[in-house]
C-alpha atoms as a PDB file:
ATOM      1  CA  MET A   1      29.028   5.420  22.652  1.00  0.00           C
ATOM      2  CA  SER A   2      29.907   2.733  25.169  1.00  0.00           C
ATOM      3  CA  GLU A   3      31.792  -0.384  24.169  1.00  0.00           C
ATOM      4  CA  ALA A   4      28.815  -2.508  25.224  1.00  0.00           C
ATOM      5  CA  ALA A   5      26.540  -0.733  22.733  1.00  0.00           C
ATOM      6  CA  LYS A   6      28.885  -1.111  19.739  1.00  0.00           C
ATOM      7  CA  PRO A   7      28.211  -4.832  19.058  1.00  0.00           C
ATOM      8  CA  PHE A   8      24.462  -4.158  19.194  1.00  0.00           C
ATOM      9  CA  GLU A   9      24.863  -1.319  16.691  1.00  0.00           C
ATOM     10  CA  ARG A  10      26.784  -3.569  14.263  1.00  0.00           C
ATOM     11  CA  GLU A  11      24.158  -6.321  14.534  1.00  0.00           C
ATOM     12  CA  GLU A  12      21.370  -3.824  13.878  1.00  0.00           C
ATOM     13  CA  ARG A  13      23.077  -2.541  10.720  1.00  0.00           C
ATOM     14  CA  LYS A  14      23.593  -6.068   9.374  1.00  0.00           C
ATOM     15  CA  GLY A  15      19.885  -6.899   9.728  1.00  0.00           C
ATOM     16  CA  ARG A  16      18.610  -3.848   7.840  1.00  0.00           C
ATOM     17  CA  VAL A  17      17.052  -4.295   4.443  1.00  0.00           C
ATOM     18  CA  ALA A  18      16.913  -1.517   1.860  1.00  0.00           C
ATOM     19  CA  GLU A  19      13.496   0.050   1.386  1.00  0.00           C
ATOM     20  CA  PRO A  20      11.905  -0.876  -1.962  1.00  0.00           C
ATOM     21  CA  LYS A  21      11.456   1.928  -4.474  1.00  0.00           C
ATOM     22  CA  ALA A  22       7.908   3.231  -4.270  1.00  0.00           C
ATOM     23  CA  ILE A  23       5.842   5.177  -6.781  1.00  0.00           C
ATOM     24  CA  PRO A  24       5.751   8.879  -5.783  1.00  0.00           C
ATOM     25  CA  GLN A  25       2.480   9.892  -4.128  1.00  0.00           C
ATOM     26  CA  TRP A  26       1.643  12.444  -6.843  1.00  0.00           C
ATOM     27  CA  VAL A  27       1.786   9.688  -9.506  1.00  0.00           C
ATOM     28  CA  ILE A  28      -0.608   7.582  -7.449  1.00  0.00           C
ATOM     29  CA  ASP A  29      -3.010  10.518  -7.036  1.00  0.00           C
ATOM     30  CA  VAL A  30      -2.860  11.742 -10.651  1.00  0.00           C
ATOM     31  CA  ALA A  31      -2.534   8.525 -12.651  1.00  0.00           C
ATOM     32  CA  VAL A  32      -2.936   5.303 -10.672  1.00  0.00           C
ATOM     33  CA  ARG A  33      -6.135   5.949  -8.688  1.00  0.00           C
ATOM     34  CA  PRO A  34      -8.099   7.475 -11.599  1.00  0.00           C
ATOM     35  CA  THR A  35      -6.997   4.680 -13.955  1.00  0.00           C
ATOM     36  CA  VAL A  36      -7.884   1.913 -11.493  1.00  0.00           C
ATOM     37  CA  ARG A  37     -11.237   3.589 -10.794  1.00  0.00           C
ATOM     38  CA  LEU A  38     -12.064   3.927 -14.512  1.00  0.00           C
ATOM     39  CA  VAL A  39     -11.036   0.370 -15.428  1.00  0.00           C
ATOM     40  CA  SER A  40     -12.808  -1.065 -12.378  1.00  0.00           C
ATOM     41  CA  ARG A  41     -16.058   0.715 -13.181  1.00  0.00           C
ATOM     42  CA  ALA A  42     -15.887  -0.262 -16.846  1.00  0.00           C
ATOM     43  CA  CYS A  43     -14.951  -3.915 -16.369  1.00  0.00           C
ATOM     44  CA  TRP A  44     -16.514  -4.895 -13.054  1.00  0.00           C
ATOM     45  CA  ARG A  45     -19.070  -2.123 -12.385  1.00  0.00           C
ATOM     46  CA  ILE A  46     -17.380  -1.251  -9.092  1.00  0.00           C
ATOM     47  CA  ALA A  47     -19.312   1.350  -7.083  1.00  0.00           C
ATOM     48  CA  LEU A  48     -17.807   3.085  -4.050  1.00  0.00           C
ATOM     49  CA  CYS A  49     -20.259   3.633  -1.187  1.00  0.00           C
ATOM     50  CA  GLY A  50     -19.743   5.396   2.134  1.00  0.00           C
ATOM     51  CA  VAL A  51     -16.678   7.370   1.047  1.00  0.00           C
ATOM     52  CA  GLU A  52     -18.015  10.419   2.910  1.00  0.00           C
ATOM     53  CA  HIS A  53     -17.085   8.636   6.166  1.00  0.00           C
ATOM     54  CA  ILE A  54     -13.347   8.555   5.359  1.00  0.00           C
ATOM     55  CA  PRO A  55     -11.592  11.130   7.576  1.00  0.00           C
ATOM     56  CA  GLN A  56      -9.244  13.580   5.836  1.00  0.00           C
ATOM     57  CA  SER A  57      -6.724  13.519   8.698  1.00  0.00           C
ATOM     58  CA  GLY A  58      -5.836  11.526  11.785  1.00  0.00           C
ATOM     59  CA  GLY A  59      -5.302   7.819  12.214  1.00  0.00           C
ATOM     60  CA  LEU A  60      -7.003   5.419   9.857  1.00  0.00           C
ATOM     61  CA  ILE A  61      -6.917   1.656   9.391  1.00  0.00           C
ATOM     62  CA  VAL A  62      -8.586   0.232   6.300  1.00  0.00           C
ATOM     63  CA  ALA A  63      -9.039  -3.547   6.260  1.00  0.00           C
ATOM     64  CA  ALA A  64     -10.239  -5.543   3.263  1.00  0.00           C
ATOM     65  CA  ASN A  65     -12.336  -8.646   3.794  1.00  0.00           C
ATOM     66  CA  HIS A  66     -10.767 -10.081   0.635  1.00  0.00           C
ATOM     67  CA  GLN A  67     -13.609 -11.128  -1.581  1.00  0.00           C
ATOM     68  CA  THR A  68     -10.973 -10.890  -4.354  1.00  0.00           C
ATOM     69  CA  TYR A  69      -7.235 -10.203  -4.557  1.00  0.00           C
ATOM     70  CA  PHE A  70      -8.019  -6.757  -5.984  1.00  0.00           C
ATOM     71  CA  ASP A  71      -9.828  -5.590  -2.816  1.00  0.00           C
ATOM     72  CA  PRO A  72      -6.845  -3.737  -1.324  1.00  0.00           C
ATOM     73  CA  PHE A  73      -6.440  -1.704  -4.507  1.00  0.00           C
ATOM     74  CA  TRP A  74     -10.154  -1.003  -4.898  1.00  0.00           C
ATOM     75  CA  ILE A  75     -10.812   0.070  -1.322  1.00  0.00           C
ATOM     76  CA  THR A  76      -7.974   2.599  -1.408  1.00  0.00           C
ATOM     77  CA  ILE A  77      -9.213   4.374  -4.559  1.00  0.00           C
ATOM     78  CA  PRO A  78     -11.208   7.057  -2.690  1.00  0.00           C
ATOM     79  CA  ILE A  79      -8.614   7.655   0.060  1.00  0.00           C
ATOM     80  CA  LYS A  80      -6.964  10.984  -0.719  1.00  0.00           C
ATOM     81  CA  ARG A  81      -3.908  10.512   1.482  1.00  0.00           C
ATOM     82  CA  PRO A  82      -0.840   8.258   1.497  1.00  0.00           C
ATOM     83  CA  VAL A  83      -1.659   4.588   2.029  1.00  0.00           C
ATOM     84  CA  ARG A  84       0.728   1.870   3.179  1.00  0.00           C
ATOM     85  CA  TYR A  85      -0.050  -1.781   2.592  1.00  0.00           C
ATOM     86  CA  LEU A  86       0.580  -4.793   4.794  1.00  0.00           C
ATOM     87  CA  ALA A  87       0.670  -8.049   2.915  1.00  0.00           C
ATOM     88  CA  TRP A  88       1.411 -11.698   3.383  1.00  0.00           C
ATOM     89  CA  ASN A  89       5.101 -12.178   2.541  1.00  0.00           C
ATOM     90  CA  LYS A  90       4.271 -14.706  -0.198  1.00  0.00           C
ATOM     91  CA  ALA A  91       2.046 -12.135  -1.932  1.00  0.00           C
ATOM     92  CA  PHE A  92       5.154 -10.144  -2.871  1.00  0.00           C
ATOM     93  CA  LYS A  93       6.299 -13.107  -4.983  1.00  0.00           C
ATOM     94  CA  TRP A  94       3.168 -13.170  -7.153  1.00  0.00           C
ATOM     95  CA  PRO A  95       4.028 -11.977 -10.681  1.00  0.00           C
ATOM     96  CA  LEU A  96       1.746  -8.954 -11.151  1.00  0.00           C
ATOM     97  CA  ALA A  97       0.091  -8.238  -7.793  1.00  0.00           C
ATOM     98  CA  GLY A  98       3.368  -8.661  -5.904  1.00  0.00           C
ATOM     99  CA  LYS A  99       5.103  -5.999  -7.973  1.00  0.00           C
ATOM    100  CA  MET A 100       2.098  -3.662  -7.613  1.00  0.00           C
ATOM    101  CA  ILE A 101       2.115  -4.051  -3.825  1.00  0.00           C
ATOM    102  CA  GLU A 102       5.849  -3.410  -3.731  1.00  0.00           C
ATOM    103  CA  LEU A 103       5.547  -0.230  -5.812  1.00  0.00           C
ATOM    104  CA  LEU A 104       2.661   1.064  -3.714  1.00  0.00           C
END
């Protein structure tokens, strides 16, 4: 490595932040999604429509229009593949939802 690249490498290491601990995908598939689906149907009568249009592979962007703060969790119930969330940085500081987003 050249001497010119070494300072850049040190700066890059200093700026890194440890990845948060996430729930394993199998736990999400076996416990989280079914529980959220059951509670959502029982409490709010949530019905999922158009799930047959979700591709099983390839690129996919799912965007919530945010009628409620639970939208991101509800719209990912039928997606049978790993999902990554983008969120407003202040949302991570909310007591319950922030921790859920971080774990997912």
